[in-house]
Amino acid sequence: MQKIIPHLWFDKEADEATKFYMSLKNNNLLQKSYLDNPRGTVQ
């Protein structure tokens, strides 16, 4: 059976969402947080 890894995307308020998930008792739900949103063109 394959492992399911959910991905949450926030356009706004990502810092608040990160703090919320880290405040949960089972805080191993959040493993990585990327606050930078790279922008540019693809060639």
PDB file of N, CA and C in Angstrom:
ATOM      1  N   MET A   1       0.840  -1.173   0.000  1.00  0.00           N
ATOM      2  CA  MET A   1       0.000   0.000   0.000  1.00  0.00           C
ATOM      3  C   MET A   1       0.890   1.243   0.000  1.00  0.00           C
ATOM      4  N   GLN A   2       0.540   2.208  -0.833  1.00  0.00           N
ATOM      5  CA  GLN A   2       1.324   3.434  -0.903  1.00  0.00           C
ATOM      6  C   GLN A   2       0.944   4.380   0.227  1.00  0.00           C
ATOM      7  N   LYS A   3       1.916   5.150   0.659  1.00  0.00           N
ATOM      8  CA  LYS A   3       1.712   6.130   1.707  1.00  0.00           C
ATOM      9  C   LYS A   3       1.130   7.404   1.093  1.00  0.00           C
ATOM     10  N   ILE A   4       0.112   7.967   1.718  1.00  0.00           N
ATOM     11  CA  ILE A   4      -0.501   9.209   1.252  1.00  0.00           C
ATOM     12  C   ILE A   4       0.149  10.372   1.990  1.00  0.00           C
ATOM     13  N   ILE A   5       0.650  11.334   1.232  1.00  0.00           N
ATOM     14  CA  ILE A   5       1.266  12.523   1.815  1.00  0.00           C
ATOM     15  C   ILE A   5       0.480  13.741   1.341  1.00  0.00           C
ATOM     16  N   PRO A   6      -0.345  14.333   2.213  1.00  0.00           N
ATOM     17  CA  PRO A   6      -1.127  15.497   1.802  1.00  0.00           C
ATOM     18  C   PRO A   6      -0.246  16.729   1.646  1.00  0.00           C
ATOM     19  N   HIS A   7      -0.687  17.632   0.798  1.00  0.00           N
ATOM     20  CA  HIS A   7       0.027  18.878   0.535  1.00  0.00           C
ATOM     21  C   HIS A   7      -0.971  20.011   0.696  1.00  0.00           C
ATOM     22  N   LEU A   8      -0.669  20.957   1.557  1.00  0.00           N
ATOM     23  CA  LEU A   8      -1.540  22.113   1.762  1.00  0.00           C
ATOM     24  C   LEU A   8      -0.890  23.331   1.132  1.00  0.00           C
ATOM     25  N   TRP A   9      -1.688  24.084   0.378  1.00  0.00           N
ATOM     26  CA  TRP A   9      -1.182  25.277  -0.293  1.00  0.00           C
ATOM     27  C   TRP A   9      -1.989  26.462   0.202  1.00  0.00           C
ATOM     28  N   PHE A  10      -1.294  27.504   0.654  1.00  0.00           N
ATOM     29  CA  PHE A  10      -1.941  28.724   1.121  1.00  0.00           C
ATOM     30  C   PHE A  10      -1.376  29.898   0.337  1.00  0.00           C
ATOM     31  N   ASP A  11      -2.256  30.650  -0.334  1.00  0.00           N
ATOM     32  CA  ASP A  11      -1.816  31.863  -1.018  1.00  0.00           C
ATOM     33  C   ASP A  11      -1.639  33.005  -0.029  1.00  0.00           C
ATOM     34  N   LYS A  12      -2.416  32.978   1.037  1.00  0.00           N
ATOM     35  CA  LYS A  12      -2.348  34.000   2.081  1.00  0.00           C
ATOM     36  C   LYS A  12      -2.412  33.303   3.434  1.00  0.00           C
ATOM     37  N   GLU A  13      -1.894  33.966   4.429  1.00  0.00           N
ATOM     38  CA  GLU A  13      -1.962  33.502   5.817  1.00  0.00           C
ATOM     39  C   GLU A  13      -1.279  32.158   6.048  1.00  0.00           C
ATOM     40  N   ALA A  14      -0.221  31.878   5.320  1.00  0.00           N
ATOM     41  CA  ALA A  14       0.507  30.618   5.499  1.00  0.00           C
ATOM     42  C   ALA A  14       1.175  30.559   6.868  1.00  0.00           C
ATOM     43  N   ASP A  15       1.671  31.690   7.342  1.00  0.00           N
ATOM     44  CA  ASP A  15       2.331  31.707   8.650  1.00  0.00           C
ATOM     45  C   ASP A  15       1.340  31.355   9.754  1.00  0.00           C
ATOM     46  N   GLU A  16       0.124  31.897   9.677  1.00  0.00           N
ATOM     47  CA  GLU A  16      -0.900  31.583  10.670  1.00  0.00           C
ATOM     48  C   GLU A  16      -1.287  30.106  10.607  1.00  0.00           C
ATOM     49  N   ALA A  17      -1.397  29.562   9.404  1.00  0.00           N
ATOM     50  CA  ALA A  17      -1.730  28.138   9.255  1.00  0.00           C
ATOM     51  C   ALA A  17      -0.624  27.266   9.834  1.00  0.00           C
ATOM     52  N   THR A  18       0.629  27.649   9.601  1.00  0.00           N
ATOM     53  CA  THR A  18       1.757  26.897  10.145  1.00  0.00           C
ATOM     54  C   THR A  18       1.713  26.895  11.667  1.00  0.00           C
ATOM     55  N   LYS A  19       1.465  28.053  12.252  1.00  0.00           N
ATOM     56  CA  LYS A  19       1.387  28.145  13.715  1.00  0.00           C
ATOM     57  C   LYS A  19       0.238  27.303  14.262  1.00  0.00           C
ATOM     58  N   PHE A  20      -0.892  27.283  13.539  1.00  0.00           N
ATOM     59  CA  PHE A  20      -2.029  26.472  13.978  1.00  0.00           C
ATOM     60  C   PHE A  20      -1.675  24.989  13.977  1.00  0.00           C
ATOM     61  N   TYR A  21      -1.129  24.492  12.888  1.00  0.00           N
ATOM     62  CA  TYR A  21      -0.801  23.067  12.804  1.00  0.00           C
ATOM     63  C   TYR A  21       0.286  22.681  13.807  1.00  0.00           C
ATOM     64  N   MET A  22       1.217  23.588  14.085  1.00  0.00           N
ATOM     65  CA  MET A  22       2.255  23.296  15.073  1.00  0.00           C
ATOM     66  C   MET A  22       1.696  23.316  16.495  1.00  0.00           C
ATOM     67  N   SER A  23       0.581  24.021  16.716  1.00  0.00           N
ATOM     68  CA  SER A  23      -0.003  24.093  18.058  1.00  0.00           C
ATOM     69  C   SER A  23      -0.815  22.849  18.411  1.00  0.00           C
ATOM     70  N   LEU A  24      -1.109  22.015  17.432  1.00  0.00           N
ATOM     71  CA  LEU A  24      -1.883  20.809  17.696  1.00  0.00           C
ATOM     72  C   LEU A  24      -1.077  19.834  18.549  1.00  0.00           C
ATOM     73  N   LYS A  25      -1.773  19.043  19.322  1.00  0.00           N
ATOM     74  CA  LYS A  25      -1.092  18.099  20.213  1.00  0.00           C
ATOM     75  C   LYS A  25      -0.236  17.115  19.422  1.00  0.00           C
ATOM     76  N   ASN A  26      -0.748  16.643  18.310  1.00  0.00           N
ATOM     77  CA  ASN A  26      -0.003  15.720  17.449  1.00  0.00           C
ATOM     78  C   ASN A  26       0.712  16.559  16.387  1.00  0.00           C
ATOM     79  N   ASN A  27       1.714  17.323  16.803  1.00  0.00           N
ATOM     80  CA  ASN A  27       2.323  18.298  15.904  1.00  0.00           C
ATOM     81  C   ASN A  27       3.264  17.692  14.867  1.00  0.00           C
ATOM     82  N   ASN A  28       3.319  16.379  14.747  1.00  0.00           N
ATOM     83  CA  ASN A  28       4.132  15.791  13.686  1.00  0.00           C
ATOM     84  C   ASN A  28       3.382  15.807  12.350  1.00  0.00           C
ATOM     85  N   LEU A  29       2.214  16.452  12.312  1.00  0.00           N
ATOM     86  CA  LEU A  29       1.472  16.589  11.060  1.00  0.00           C
ATOM     87  C   LEU A  29       2.212  17.487  10.081  1.00  0.00           C
ATOM     88  N   LEU A  30       2.926  18.451  10.614  1.00  0.00           N
ATOM     89  CA  LEU A  30       3.633  19.408   9.765  1.00  0.00           C
ATOM     90  C   LEU A  30       5.112  19.059   9.758  1.00  0.00           C
ATOM     91  N   GLN A  31       5.630  18.741   8.585  1.00  0.00           N
ATOM     92  CA  GLN A  31       7.037  18.374   8.486  1.00  0.00           C
ATOM     93  C   GLN A  31       7.868  19.461   7.826  1.00  0.00           C
ATOM     94  N   LYS A  32       7.287  20.187   6.869  1.00  0.00           N
ATOM     95  CA  LYS A  32       8.014  21.245   6.180  1.00  0.00           C
ATOM     96  C   LYS A  32       7.091  22.419   5.928  1.00  0.00           C
ATOM     97  N   SER A  33       7.670  23.597   5.911  1.00  0.00           N
ATOM     98  CA  SER A  33       6.915  24.804   5.600  1.00  0.00           C
ATOM     99  C   SER A  33       7.772  25.681   4.705  1.00  0.00           C
ATOM    100  N   TYR A  34       7.233  26.034   3.569  1.00  0.00           N
ATOM    101  CA  TYR A  34       7.932  26.911   2.635  1.00  0.00           C
ATOM    102  C   TYR A  34       7.139  28.201   2.529  1.00  0.00           C
ATOM    103  N   LEU A  35       7.721  29.293   2.980  1.00  0.00           N
ATOM    104  CA  LEU A  35       7.015  30.566   2.955  1.00  0.00           C
ATOM    105  C   LEU A  35       7.338  31.381   1.713  1.00  0.00           C
ATOM    106  N   ASP A  36       8.376  31.021   0.991  1.00  0.00           N
ATOM    107  CA  ASP A  36       8.758  31.758  -0.204  1.00  0.00           C
ATOM    108  C   ASP A  36       7.966  31.231  -1.390  1.00  0.00           C
ATOM    109  N   ASN A  37       7.456  32.134  -2.192  1.00  0.00           N
ATOM    110  CA  ASN A  37       6.708  31.761  -3.385  1.00  0.00           C
ATOM    111  C   ASN A  37       7.499  32.243  -4.597  1.00  0.00           C
ATOM    112  N   PRO A  38       8.289  31.371  -5.208  1.00  0.00           N
ATOM    113  CA  PRO A  38       9.102  31.806  -6.345  1.00  0.00           C
ATOM    114  C   PRO A  38       8.232  32.216  -7.528  1.00  0.00           C
ATOM    115  N   ARG A  39       8.635  33.279  -8.176  1.00  0.00           N
ATOM    116  CA  ARG A  39       7.903  33.776  -9.338  1.00  0.00           C
ATOM    117  C   ARG A  39       8.874  33.946 -10.491  1.00  0.00           C
ATOM    118  N   GLY A  40       8.348  33.882 -11.662  1.00  0.00           N
ATOM    119  CA  GLY A  40       9.186  34.055 -12.841  1.00  0.00           C
ATOM    120  C   GLY A  40       8.541  33.391 -14.036  1.00  0.00           C
ATOM    121  N   THR A  41       9.273  33.346 -15.117  1.00  0.00           N
ATOM    122  CA  THR A  41       8.755  32.730 -16.332  1.00  0.00           C
ATOM    123  C   THR A  41       9.437  31.389 -16.557  1.00  0.00           C
ATOM    124  N   VAL A  42       8.756  30.530 -17.259  1.00  0.00           N
ATOM    125  CA  VAL A  42       9.292  29.215 -17.591  1.00  0.00           C
ATOM    126  C   VAL A  42       9.693  29.228 -19.049  1.00  0.00           C
ATOM    127  N   GLN A  43      10.881  28.730 -19.328  1.00  0.00           N
ATOM    128  CA  GLN A  43      11.347  28.719 -20.718  1.00  0.00           C
ATOM    129  C   GLN A  43      11.448  27.312 -21.223  1.00  0.00           C
TER     130      GLN A  43
END
